[in-house]
Amino acid sequence: GYTLTLPNATDSNLILAQHALKALKNIY
């Protein structure tokens, strides 16, 4: 698993998905 701290608190699909994919690439 991988935890990422976001630059700003958000509820945006776009920003959350962007960072989730970054986290995935770190553990794939």
mmCIF file of all heavy atoms, coordinates in Angstrom:
data_MODEL
# 
_entry.id   MODEL 
# 
loop_
_atom_site.group_PDB 
_atom_site.id 
_atom_site.type_symbol 
_atom_site.label_atom_id 
_atom_site.label_alt_id 
_atom_site.label_comp_id 
_atom_site.label_asym_id 
_atom_site.label_entity_id 
_atom_site.label_seq_id 
_atom_site.pdbx_PDB_ins_code 
_atom_site.Cartn_x 
_atom_site.Cartn_y 
_atom_site.Cartn_z 
_atom_site.occupancy 
_atom_site.B_iso_or_equiv 
_atom_site.pdbx_formal_charge 
_atom_site.auth_seq_id 
_atom_site.auth_comp_id 
_atom_site.auth_asym_id 
_atom_site.auth_atom_id 
_atom_site.pdbx_PDB_model_num 
ATOM 1   N N   . GLY A 1 1  ? 0.828   -1.198 0.000   1.00 0.00 ? 1  GLY A N   1 
ATOM 2   C CA  . GLY A 1 1  ? 0.000   0.000  0.000   1.00 0.00 ? 1  GLY A CA  1 
ATOM 3   C C   . GLY A 1 1  ? 0.859   1.243  0.000   1.00 0.00 ? 1  GLY A C   1 
ATOM 4   O O   . GLY A 1 1  ? 2.057   1.191  0.331   1.00 0.00 ? 1  GLY A O   1 
ATOM 5   N N   . TYR A 1 2  ? 0.261   2.367  -0.360  1.00 0.00 ? 2  TYR A N   1 
ATOM 6   C CA  . TYR A 1 2  ? 1.014   3.618  -0.449  1.00 0.00 ? 2  TYR A CA  1 
ATOM 7   C C   . TYR A 1 2  ? 0.091   4.773  -0.073  1.00 0.00 ? 2  TYR A C   1 
ATOM 8   O O   . TYR A 1 2  ? -1.045  4.856  -0.548  1.00 0.00 ? 2  TYR A O   1 
ATOM 9   C CB  . TYR A 1 2  ? 1.541   3.814  -1.872  1.00 0.00 ? 2  TYR A CB  1 
ATOM 10  C CG  . TYR A 1 2  ? 2.607   4.882  -2.001  1.00 0.00 ? 2  TYR A CG  1 
ATOM 11  C CD1 . TYR A 1 2  ? 3.943   4.586  -1.777  1.00 0.00 ? 2  TYR A CD1 1 
ATOM 12  C CD2 . TYR A 1 2  ? 2.268   6.193  -2.339  1.00 0.00 ? 2  TYR A CD2 1 
ATOM 13  C CE1 . TYR A 1 2  ? 4.925   5.560  -1.892  1.00 0.00 ? 2  TYR A CE1 1 
ATOM 14  C CE2 . TYR A 1 2  ? 3.240   7.173  -2.463  1.00 0.00 ? 2  TYR A CE2 1 
ATOM 15  C CZ  . TYR A 1 2  ? 4.568   6.854  -2.233  1.00 0.00 ? 2  TYR A CZ  1 
ATOM 16  O OH  . TYR A 1 2  ? 5.536   7.821  -2.346  1.00 0.00 ? 2  TYR A OH  1 
ATOM 17  N N   . THR A 1 3  ? 0.604   5.653  0.783   1.00 0.00 ? 3  THR A N   1 
ATOM 18  C CA  . THR A 1 3  ? -0.168  6.819  1.223   1.00 0.00 ? 3  THR A CA  1 
ATOM 19  C C   . THR A 1 3  ? 0.408   8.086  0.625   1.00 0.00 ? 3  THR A C   1 
ATOM 20  O O   . THR A 1 3  ? 1.631   8.285  0.622   1.00 0.00 ? 3  THR A O   1 
ATOM 21  C CB  . THR A 1 3  ? -0.149  6.931  2.762   1.00 0.00 ? 3  THR A CB  1 
ATOM 22  O OG1 . THR A 1 3  ? -0.682  5.734  3.334   1.00 0.00 ? 3  THR A OG1 1 
ATOM 23  C CG2 . THR A 1 3  ? -0.988  8.114  3.218   1.00 0.00 ? 3  THR A CG2 1 
ATOM 24  N N   . LEU A 1 4  ? -0.460  8.930  0.113   1.00 0.00 ? 4  LEU A N   1 
ATOM 25  C CA  . LEU A 1 4  ? -0.066  10.210 -0.461  1.00 0.00 ? 4  LEU A CA  1 
ATOM 26  C C   . LEU A 1 4  ? -0.793  11.342 0.255   1.00 0.00 ? 4  LEU A C   1 
ATOM 27  O O   . LEU A 1 4  ? -2.006  11.267 0.459   1.00 0.00 ? 4  LEU A O   1 
ATOM 28  C CB  . LEU A 1 4  ? -0.407  10.273 -1.952  1.00 0.00 ? 4  LEU A CB  1 
ATOM 29  C CG  . LEU A 1 4  ? 0.666   9.832  -2.965  1.00 0.00 ? 4  LEU A CG  1 
ATOM 30  C CD1 . LEU A 1 4  ? 0.092   9.905  -4.368  1.00 0.00 ? 4  LEU A CD1 1 
ATOM 31  C CD2 . LEU A 1 4  ? 1.911   10.688 -2.858  1.00 0.00 ? 4  LEU A CD2 1 
ATOM 32  N N   . THR A 1 5  ? -0.045  12.367 0.634   1.00 0.00 ? 5  THR A N   1 
ATOM 33  C CA  . THR A 1 5  ? -0.657  13.574 1.177   1.00 0.00 ? 5  THR A CA  1 
ATOM 34  C C   . THR A 1 5  ? -0.951  14.528 0.023   1.00 0.00 ? 5  THR A C   1 
ATOM 35  O O   . THR A 1 5  ? -0.070  14.805 -0.796  1.00 0.00 ? 5  THR A O   1 
ATOM 36  C CB  . THR A 1 5  ? 0.285   14.250 2.190   1.00 0.00 ? 5  THR A CB  1 
ATOM 37  O OG1 . THR A 1 5  ? 0.557   13.330 3.248   1.00 0.00 ? 5  THR A OG1 1 
ATOM 38  C CG2 . THR A 1 5  ? -0.357  15.507 2.763   1.00 0.00 ? 5  THR A CG2 1 
ATOM 39  N N   . LEU A 1 6  ? -2.164  15.014 -0.050  1.00 0.00 ? 6  LEU A N   1 
ATOM 40  C CA  . LEU A 1 6  ? -2.569  15.891 -1.150  1.00 0.00 ? 6  LEU A CA  1 
ATOM 41  C C   . LEU A 1 6  ? -2.116  17.327 -0.890  1.00 0.00 ? 6  LEU A C   1 
ATOM 42  O O   . LEU A 1 6  ? -2.023  17.758 0.269   1.00 0.00 ? 6  LEU A O   1 
ATOM 43  C CB  . LEU A 1 6  ? -4.086  15.843 -1.309  1.00 0.00 ? 6  LEU A CB  1 
ATOM 44  C CG  . LEU A 1 6  ? -4.695  14.441 -1.503  1.00 0.00 ? 6  LEU A CG  1 
ATOM 45  C CD1 . LEU A 1 6  ? -6.207  14.524 -1.517  1.00 0.00 ? 6  LEU A CD1 1 
ATOM 46  C CD2 . LEU A 1 6  ? -4.187  13.803 -2.784  1.00 0.00 ? 6  LEU A CD2 1 
ATOM 47  N N   . PRO A 1 7  ? -1.838  18.080 -1.947  1.00 0.00 ? 7  PRO A N   1 
ATOM 48  C CA  . PRO A 1 7  ? -1.433  19.485 -1.774  1.00 0.00 ? 7  PRO A CA  1 
ATOM 49  C C   . PRO A 1 7  ? -2.480  20.303 -1.034  1.00 0.00 ? 7  PRO A C   1 
ATOM 50  O O   . PRO A 1 7  ? -2.152  21.157 -0.212  1.00 0.00 ? 7  PRO A O   1 
ATOM 51  C CB  . PRO A 1 7  ? -1.262  19.972 -3.217  1.00 0.00 ? 7  PRO A CB  1 
ATOM 52  C CG  . PRO A 1 7  ? -1.058  18.741 -4.026  1.00 0.00 ? 7  PRO A CG  1 
ATOM 53  C CD  . PRO A 1 7  ? -1.846  17.676 -3.357  1.00 0.00 ? 7  PRO A CD  1 
ATOM 54  N N   . ASN A 1 8  ? -3.760  20.015 -1.337  1.00 0.00 ? 8  ASN A N   1 
ATOM 55  C CA  . ASN A 1 8  ? -4.880  20.691 -0.683  1.00 0.00 ? 8  ASN A CA  1 
ATOM 56  C C   . ASN A 1 8  ? -6.010  19.692 -0.489  1.00 0.00 ? 8  ASN A C   1 
ATOM 57  O O   . ASN A 1 8  ? -6.182  18.772 -1.294  1.00 0.00 ? 8  ASN A O   1 
ATOM 58  C CB  . ASN A 1 8  ? -5.389  21.861 -1.541  1.00 0.00 ? 8  ASN A CB  1 
ATOM 59  C CG  . ASN A 1 8  ? -4.311  22.880 -1.818  1.00 0.00 ? 8  ASN A CG  1 
ATOM 60  O OD1 . ASN A 1 8  ? -3.894  23.611 -0.939  1.00 0.00 ? 8  ASN A OD1 1 
ATOM 61  N ND2 . ASN A 1 8  ? -3.844  22.922 -3.066  1.00 0.00 ? 8  ASN A ND2 1 
ATOM 62  N N   . ALA A 1 9  ? -6.769  19.864 0.566   1.00 0.00 ? 9  ALA A N   1 
ATOM 63  C CA  . ALA A 1 9  ? -7.936  19.006 0.783   1.00 0.00 ? 9  ALA A CA  1 
ATOM 64  C C   . ALA A 1 9  ? -8.913  19.195 -0.374  1.00 0.00 ? 9  ALA A C   1 
ATOM 65  O O   . ALA A 1 9  ? -9.172  20.320 -0.805  1.00 0.00 ? 9  ALA A O   1 
ATOM 66  C CB  . ALA A 1 9  ? -8.611  19.349 2.099   1.00 0.00 ? 9  ALA A CB  1 
ATOM 67  N N   . THR A 1 10 ? -9.441  18.093 -0.901  1.00 0.00 ? 10 THR A N   1 
ATOM 68  C CA  . THR A 1 10 ? -10.283 18.181 -2.089  1.00 0.00 ? 10 THR A CA  1 
ATOM 69  C C   . THR A 1 10 ? -11.336 17.083 -2.108  1.00 0.00 ? 10 THR A C   1 
ATOM 70  O O   . THR A 1 10 ? -11.205 16.060 -1.424  1.00 0.00 ? 10 THR A O   1 
ATOM 71  C CB  . THR A 1 10 ? -9.424  18.077 -3.367  1.00 0.00 ? 10 THR A CB  1 
ATOM 72  O OG1 . THR A 1 10 ? -10.246 18.221 -4.521  1.00 0.00 ? 10 THR A OG1 1 
ATOM 73  C CG2 . THR A 1 10 ? -8.717  16.742 -3.439  1.00 0.00 ? 10 THR A CG2 1 
ATOM 74  N N   . ASP A 1 11 ? -12.391 17.289 -2.906  1.00 0.00 ? 11 ASP A N   1 
ATOM 75  C CA  . ASP A 1 11 ? -13.396 16.261 -3.169  1.00 0.00 ? 11 ASP A CA  1 
ATOM 76  C C   . ASP A 1 11 ? -13.551 16.052 -4.673  1.00 0.00 ? 11 ASP A C   1 
ATOM 77  O O   . ASP A 1 11 ? -14.537 15.492 -5.141  1.00 0.00 ? 11 ASP A O   1 
ATOM 78  C CB  . ASP A 1 11 ? -14.744 16.640 -2.542  1.00 0.00 ? 11 ASP A CB  1 
ATOM 79  C CG  . ASP A 1 11 ? -15.296 17.953 -3.094  1.00 0.00 ? 11 ASP A CG  1 
ATOM 80  O OD1 . ASP A 1 11 ? -14.698 18.528 -4.024  1.00 0.00 ? 11 ASP A OD1 1 
ATOM 81  O OD2 . ASP A 1 11 ? -16.343 18.422 -2.587  1.00 0.00 ? 11 ASP A OD2 1 
ATOM 82  N N   . SER A 1 12 ? -12.573 16.507 -5.441  1.00 0.00 ? 12 SER A N   1 
ATOM 83  C CA  . SER A 1 12 ? -12.622 16.458 -6.902  1.00 0.00 ? 12 SER A CA  1 
ATOM 84  C C   . SER A 1 12 ? -12.238 15.081 -7.432  1.00 0.00 ? 12 SER A C   1 
ATOM 85  O O   . SER A 1 12 ? -11.182 14.542 -7.077  1.00 0.00 ? 12 SER A O   1 
ATOM 86  C CB  . SER A 1 12 ? -11.687 17.510 -7.498  1.00 0.00 ? 12 SER A CB  1 
ATOM 87  O OG  . SER A 1 12 ? -11.505 17.294 -8.887  1.00 0.00 ? 12 SER A OG  1 
ATOM 88  N N   . ASN A 1 13 ? -13.072 14.510 -8.301  1.00 0.00 ? 13 ASN A N   1 
ATOM 89  C CA  . ASN A 1 13 ? -12.747 13.248 -8.962  1.00 0.00 ? 13 ASN A CA  1 
ATOM 90  C C   . ASN A 1 13 ? -11.392 13.333 -9.662  1.00 0.00 ? 13 ASN A C   1 
ATOM 91  O O   . ASN A 1 13 ? -10.571 12.414 -9.590  1.00 0.00 ? 13 ASN A O   1 
ATOM 92  C CB  . ASN A 1 13 ? -13.802 12.917 -10.020 1.00 0.00 ? 13 ASN A CB  1 
ATOM 93  C CG  . ASN A 1 13 ? -15.145 12.559 -9.431  1.00 0.00 ? 13 ASN A CG  1 
ATOM 94  O OD1 . ASN A 1 13 ? -15.356 12.660 -8.233  1.00 0.00 ? 13 ASN A OD1 1 
ATOM 95  N ND2 . ASN A 1 13 ? -16.073 12.139 -10.280 1.00 0.00 ? 13 ASN A ND2 1 
ATOM 96  N N   . LEU A 1 14 ? -11.168 14.431 -10.348 1.00 0.00 ? 14 LEU A N   1 
ATOM 97  C CA  . LEU A 1 14 ? -9.980  14.585 -11.182 1.00 0.00 ? 14 LEU A CA  1 
ATOM 98  C C   . LEU A 1 14 ? -8.703  14.568 -10.348 1.00 0.00 ? 14 LEU A C   1 
ATOM 99  O O   . LEU A 1 14 ? -7.760  13.827 -10.651 1.00 0.00 ? 14 LEU A O   1 
ATOM 100 C CB  . LEU A 1 14 ? -10.065 15.895 -11.972 1.00 0.00 ? 14 LEU A CB  1 
ATOM 101 C CG  . LEU A 1 14 ? -11.306 16.067 -12.869 1.00 0.00 ? 14 LEU A CG  1 
ATOM 102 C CD1 . LEU A 1 14 ? -11.316 17.449 -13.494 1.00 0.00 ? 14 LEU A CD1 1 
ATOM 103 C CD2 . LEU A 1 14 ? -11.337 14.998 -13.949 1.00 0.00 ? 14 LEU A CD2 1 
ATOM 104 N N   . ILE A 1 15 ? -8.666  15.361 -9.309  1.00 0.00 ? 15 ILE A N   1 
ATOM 105 C CA  . ILE A 1 15 ? -7.446  15.469 -8.503  1.00 0.00 ? 15 ILE A CA  1 
ATOM 106 C C   . ILE A 1 15 ? -7.210  14.204 -7.682  1.00 0.00 ? 15 ILE A C   1 
ATOM 107 O O   . ILE A 1 15 ? -6.085  13.703 -7.607  1.00 0.00 ? 15 ILE A O   1 
ATOM 108 C CB  . ILE A 1 15 ? -7.522  16.710 -7.593  1.00 0.00 ? 15 ILE A CB  1 
ATOM 109 C CG1 . ILE A 1 15 ? -7.523  17.979 -8.454  1.00 0.00 ? 15 ILE A CG1 1 
ATOM 110 C CG2 . ILE A 1 15 ? -6.365  16.739 -6.607  1.00 0.00 ? 15 ILE A CG2 1 
ATOM 111 C CD1 . ILE A 1 15 ? -7.694  19.254 -7.681  1.00 0.00 ? 15 ILE A CD1 1 
ATOM 112 N N   . LEU A 1 16 ? -8.259  13.673 -7.081  1.00 0.00 ? 16 LEU A N   1 
ATOM 113 C CA  . LEU A 1 16 ? -8.105  12.453 -6.290  1.00 0.00 ? 16 LEU A CA  1 
ATOM 114 C C   . LEU A 1 16 ? -7.654  11.286 -7.162  1.00 0.00 ? 16 LEU A C   1 
ATOM 115 O O   . LEU A 1 16 ? -6.769  10.516 -6.780  1.00 0.00 ? 16 LEU A O   1 
ATOM 116 C CB  . LEU A 1 16 ? -9.419  12.115 -5.581  1.00 0.00 ? 16 LEU A CB  1 
ATOM 117 C CG  . LEU A 1 16 ? -9.796  13.023 -4.405  1.00 0.00 ? 16 LEU A CG  1 
ATOM 118 C CD1 . LEU A 1 16 ? -11.231 12.756 -3.959  1.00 0.00 ? 16 LEU A CD1 1 
ATOM 119 C CD2 . LEU A 1 16 ? -8.842  12.812 -3.232  1.00 0.00 ? 16 LEU A CD2 1 
ATOM 120 N N   . ALA A 1 17 ? -8.247  11.140 -8.351  1.00 0.00 ? 17 ALA A N   1 
ATOM 121 C CA  . ALA A 1 17 ? -7.864  10.044 -9.255  1.00 0.00 ? 17 ALA A CA  1 
ATOM 122 C C   . ALA A 1 17 ? -6.423  10.198 -9.719  1.00 0.00 ? 17 ALA A C   1 
ATOM 123 O O   . ALA A 1 17 ? -5.675  9.215  -9.821  1.00 0.00 ? 17 ALA A O   1 
ATOM 124 C CB  . ALA A 1 17 ? -8.811  10.006 -10.446 1.00 0.00 ? 17 ALA A CB  1 
ATOM 125 N N   . GLN A 1 18 ? -6.013  11.426 -10.014 1.00 0.00 ? 18 GLN A N   1 
ATOM 126 C CA  . GLN A 1 18 ? -4.648  11.691 -10.452 1.00 0.00 ? 18 GLN A CA  1 
ATOM 127 C C   . GLN A 1 18 ? -3.634  11.216 -9.412  1.00 0.00 ? 18 GLN A C   1 
ATOM 128 O O   . GLN A 1 18 ? -2.648  10.549 -9.734  1.00 0.00 ? 18 GLN A O   1 
ATOM 129 C CB  . GLN A 1 18 ? -4.481  13.193 -10.715 1.00 0.00 ? 18 GLN A CB  1 
ATOM 130 C CG  . GLN A 1 18 ? -3.067  13.610 -11.105 1.00 0.00 ? 18 GLN A CG  1 
ATOM 131 C CD  . GLN A 1 18 ? -2.925  15.126 -11.188 1.00 0.00 ? 18 GLN A CD  1 
ATOM 132 O OE1 . GLN A 1 18 ? -3.881  15.862 -10.994 1.00 0.00 ? 18 GLN A OE1 1 
ATOM 133 N NE2 . GLN A 1 18 ? -1.723  15.586 -11.467 1.00 0.00 ? 18 GLN A NE2 1 
ATOM 134 N N   . HIS A 1 19 ? -3.875  11.532 -8.148  1.00 0.00 ? 19 HIS A N   1 
ATOM 135 C CA  . HIS A 1 19 ? -2.952  11.137 -7.085  1.00 0.00 ? 19 HIS A CA  1 
ATOM 136 C C   . HIS A 1 19 ? -3.067  9.658  -6.749  1.00 0.00 ? 19 HIS A C   1 
ATOM 137 O O   . HIS A 1 19 ? -2.058  9.023  -6.376  1.00 0.00 ? 19 HIS A O   1 
ATOM 138 C CB  . HIS A 1 19 ? -3.201  12.001 -5.851  1.00 0.00 ? 19 HIS A CB  1 
ATOM 139 C CG  . HIS A 1 19 ? -2.734  13.415 -6.003  1.00 0.00 ? 19 HIS A CG  1 
ATOM 140 N ND1 . HIS A 1 19 ? -1.424  13.780 -5.855  1.00 0.00 ? 19 HIS A ND1 1 
ATOM 141 C CD2 . HIS A 1 19 ? -3.401  14.553 -6.323  1.00 0.00 ? 19 HIS A CD2 1 
ATOM 142 C CE1 . HIS A 1 19 ? -1.289  15.087 -6.057  1.00 0.00 ? 19 HIS A CE1 1 
ATOM 143 N NE2 . HIS A 1 19 ? -2.482  15.571 -6.345  1.00 0.00 ? 19 HIS A NE2 1 
ATOM 144 N N   . ALA A 1 20 ? -4.240  9.085  -6.889  1.00 0.00 ? 20 ALA A N   1 
ATOM 145 C CA  . ALA A 1 20 ? -4.407  7.651  -6.637  1.00 0.00 ? 20 ALA A CA  1 
ATOM 146 C C   . ALA A 1 20 ? -3.600  6.831  -7.639  1.00 0.00 ? 20 ALA A C   1 
ATOM 147 O O   . ALA A 1 20 ? -2.993  5.810  -7.284  1.00 0.00 ? 20 ALA A O   1 
ATOM 148 C CB  . ALA A 1 20 ? -5.886  7.276  -6.701  1.00 0.00 ? 20 ALA A CB  1 
ATOM 149 N N   . LEU A 1 21 ? -3.566  7.273  -8.882  1.00 0.00 ? 21 LEU A N   1 
ATOM 150 C CA  . LEU A 1 21 ? -2.798  6.561  -9.904  1.00 0.00 ? 21 LEU A CA  1 
ATOM 151 C C   . LEU A 1 21 ? -1.295  6.696  -9.648  1.00 0.00 ? 21 LEU A C   1 
ATOM 152 O O   . LEU A 1 21 ? -0.523  5.771  -9.922  1.00 0.00 ? 21 LEU A O   1 
ATOM 153 C CB  . LEU A 1 21 ? -3.148  7.081  -11.295 1.00 0.00 ? 21 LEU A CB  1 
ATOM 154 C CG  . LEU A 1 21 ? -4.584  6.788  -11.761 1.00 0.00 ? 21 LEU A CG  1 
ATOM 155 C CD1 . LEU A 1 21 ? -4.831  7.326  -13.155 1.00 0.00 ? 21 LEU A CD1 1 
ATOM 156 C CD2 . LEU A 1 21 ? -4.872  5.289  -11.718 1.00 0.00 ? 21 LEU A CD2 1 
ATOM 157 N N   . LYS A 1 22 ? -0.880  7.834  -9.115  1.00 0.00 ? 22 LYS A N   1 
ATOM 158 C CA  . LYS A 1 22 ? 0.525   7.993  -8.728  1.00 0.00 ? 22 LYS A CA  1 
ATOM 159 C C   . LYS A 1 22 ? 0.886   6.990  -7.636  1.00 0.00 ? 22 LYS A C   1 
ATOM 160 O O   . LYS A 1 22 ? 1.950   6.362  -7.666  1.00 0.00 ? 22 LYS A O   1 
ATOM 161 C CB  . LYS A 1 22 ? 0.775   9.411  -8.213  1.00 0.00 ? 22 LYS A CB  1 
ATOM 162 C CG  . LYS A 1 22 ? 0.823   10.483 -9.282  1.00 0.00 ? 22 LYS A CG  1 
ATOM 163 C CD  . LYS A 1 22 ? 1.125   11.834 -8.643  1.00 0.00 ? 22 LYS A CD  1 
ATOM 164 C CE  . LYS A 1 22 ? 1.130   12.959 -9.679  1.00 0.00 ? 22 LYS A CE  1 
ATOM 165 N NZ  . LYS A 1 22 ? 1.389   14.273 -9.041  1.00 0.00 ? 22 LYS A NZ  1 
ATOM 166 N N   . ALA A 1 23 ? -0.013  6.846  -6.656  1.00 0.00 ? 23 ALA A N   1 
ATOM 167 C CA  . ALA A 1 23 ? 0.228   5.896  -5.567  1.00 0.00 ? 23 ALA A CA  1 
ATOM 168 C C   . ALA A 1 23 ? 0.285   4.469  -6.091  1.00 0.00 ? 23 ALA A C   1 
ATOM 169 O O   . ALA A 1 23 ? 1.132   3.670  -5.675  1.00 0.00 ? 23 ALA A O   1 
ATOM 170 C CB  . ALA A 1 23 ? -0.866  6.033  -4.510  1.00 0.00 ? 23 ALA A CB  1 
ATOM 171 N N   . LEU A 1 24 ? -0.600  4.140  -7.025  1.00 0.00 ? 24 LEU A N   1 
ATOM 172 C CA  . LEU A 1 24 ? -0.629  2.791  -7.594  1.00 0.00 ? 24 LEU A CA  1 
ATOM 173 C C   . LEU A 1 24 ? 0.693   2.455  -8.281  1.00 0.00 ? 24 LEU A C   1 
ATOM 174 O O   . LEU A 1 24 ? 1.221   1.344  -8.129  1.00 0.00 ? 24 LEU A O   1 
ATOM 175 C CB  . LEU A 1 24 ? -1.791  2.668  -8.580  1.00 0.00 ? 24 LEU A CB  1 
ATOM 176 C CG  . LEU A 1 24 ? -1.860  1.349  -9.362  1.00 0.00 ? 24 LEU A CG  1 
ATOM 177 C CD1 . LEU A 1 24 ? -2.095  0.175  -8.409  1.00 0.00 ? 24 LEU A CD1 1 
ATOM 178 C CD2 . LEU A 1 24 ? -2.969  1.403  -10.422 1.00 0.00 ? 24 LEU A CD2 1 
ATOM 179 N N   . LYS A 1 25 ? 1.241   3.393  -9.031  1.00 0.00 ? 25 LYS A N   1 
ATOM 180 C CA  . LYS A 1 25 ? 2.495   3.137  -9.759  1.00 0.00 ? 25 LYS A CA  1 
ATOM 181 C C   . LYS A 1 25 ? 3.653   2.888  -8.814  1.00 0.00 ? 25 LYS A C   1 
ATOM 182 O O   . LYS A 1 25 ? 4.639   2.240  -9.188  1.00 0.00 ? 25 LYS A O   1 
ATOM 183 C CB  . LYS A 1 25 ? 2.793   4.313  -10.689 1.00 0.00 ? 25 LYS A CB  1 
ATOM 184 C CG  . LYS A 1 25 ? 1.846   4.376  -11.889 1.00 0.00 ? 25 LYS A CG  1 
ATOM 185 C CD  . LYS A 1 25 ? 2.080   5.601  -12.748 1.00 0.00 ? 25 LYS A CD  1 
ATOM 186 C CE  . LYS A 1 25 ? 1.082   5.629  -13.915 1.00 0.00 ? 25 LYS A CE  1 
ATOM 187 N NZ  . LYS A 1 25 ? 1.231   6.836  -14.757 1.00 0.00 ? 25 LYS A NZ  1 
ATOM 188 N N   . ASN A 1 26 ? 3.547   3.369  -7.591  1.00 0.00 ? 26 ASN A N   1 
ATOM 189 C CA  . ASN A 1 26 ? 4.599   3.134  -6.605  1.00 0.00 ? 26 ASN A CA  1 
ATOM 190 C C   . ASN A 1 26 ? 4.571   1.719  -6.030  1.00 0.00 ? 26 ASN A C   1 
ATOM 191 O O   . ASN A 1 26 ? 5.573   1.274  -5.461  1.00 0.00 ? 26 ASN A O   1 
ATOM 192 C CB  . ASN A 1 26 ? 4.478   4.137  -5.457  1.00 0.00 ? 26 ASN A CB  1 
ATOM 193 C CG  . ASN A 1 26 ? 5.126   5.475  -5.759  1.00 0.00 ? 26 ASN A CG  1 
ATOM 194 O OD1 . ASN A 1 26 ? 6.342   5.609  -5.708  1.00 0.00 ? 26 ASN A OD1 1 
ATOM 195 N ND2 . ASN A 1 26 ? 4.319   6.463  -6.097  1.00 0.00 ? 26 ASN A ND2 1 
ATOM 196 N N   . ILE A 1 27 ? 3.448   1.042  -6.133  1.00 0.00 ? 27 ILE A N   1 
ATOM 197 C CA  . ILE A 1 27 ? 3.336   -0.288 -5.524  1.00 0.00 ? 27 ILE A CA  1 
ATOM 198 C C   . ILE A 1 27 ? 3.088   -1.399 -6.545  1.00 0.00 ? 27 ILE A C   1 
ATOM 199 O O   . ILE A 1 27 ? 3.124   -2.581 -6.197  1.00 0.00 ? 27 ILE A O   1 
ATOM 200 C CB  . ILE A 1 27 ? 2.204   -0.314 -4.461  1.00 0.00 ? 27 ILE A CB  1 
ATOM 201 C CG1 . ILE A 1 27 ? 0.867   0.101  -5.081  1.00 0.00 ? 27 ILE A CG1 1 
ATOM 202 C CG2 . ILE A 1 27 ? 2.542   0.574  -3.283  1.00 0.00 ? 27 ILE A CG2 1 
ATOM 203 C CD1 . ILE A 1 27 ? -0.309  0.021  -4.119  1.00 0.00 ? 27 ILE A CD1 1 
ATOM 204 N N   . TYR A 1 28 ? 2.849   -1.037 -7.802  1.00 0.00 ? 28 TYR A N   1 
ATOM 205 C CA  . TYR A 1 28 ? 2.579   -2.057 -8.823  1.00 0.00 ? 28 TYR A CA  1 
ATOM 206 C C   . TYR A 1 28 ? 3.838   -2.864 -9.138  1.00 0.00 ? 28 TYR A C   1 
ATOM 207 O O   . TYR A 1 28 ? 4.922   -2.313 -9.300  1.00 0.00 ? 28 TYR A O   1 
ATOM 208 C CB  . TYR A 1 28 ? 2.054   -1.402 -10.097 1.00 0.00 ? 28 TYR A CB  1 
ATOM 209 C CG  . TYR A 1 28 ? 1.906   -2.386 -11.246 1.00 0.00 ? 28 TYR A CG  1 
ATOM 210 C CD1 . TYR A 1 28 ? 0.839   -3.279 -11.285 1.00 0.00 ? 28 TYR A CD1 1 
ATOM 211 C CD2 . TYR A 1 28 ? 2.866   -2.434 -12.267 1.00 0.00 ? 28 TYR A CD2 1 
ATOM 212 C CE1 . TYR A 1 28 ? 0.713   -4.191 -12.320 1.00 0.00 ? 28 TYR A CE1 1 
ATOM 213 C CE2 . TYR A 1 28 ? 2.744   -3.336 -13.310 1.00 0.00 ? 28 TYR A CE2 1 
ATOM 214 C CZ  . TYR A 1 28 ? 1.666   -4.223 -13.329 1.00 0.00 ? 28 TYR A CZ  1 
ATOM 215 O OH  . TYR A 1 28 ? 1.549   -5.127 -14.363 1.00 0.00 ? 28 TYR A OH  1 
# 
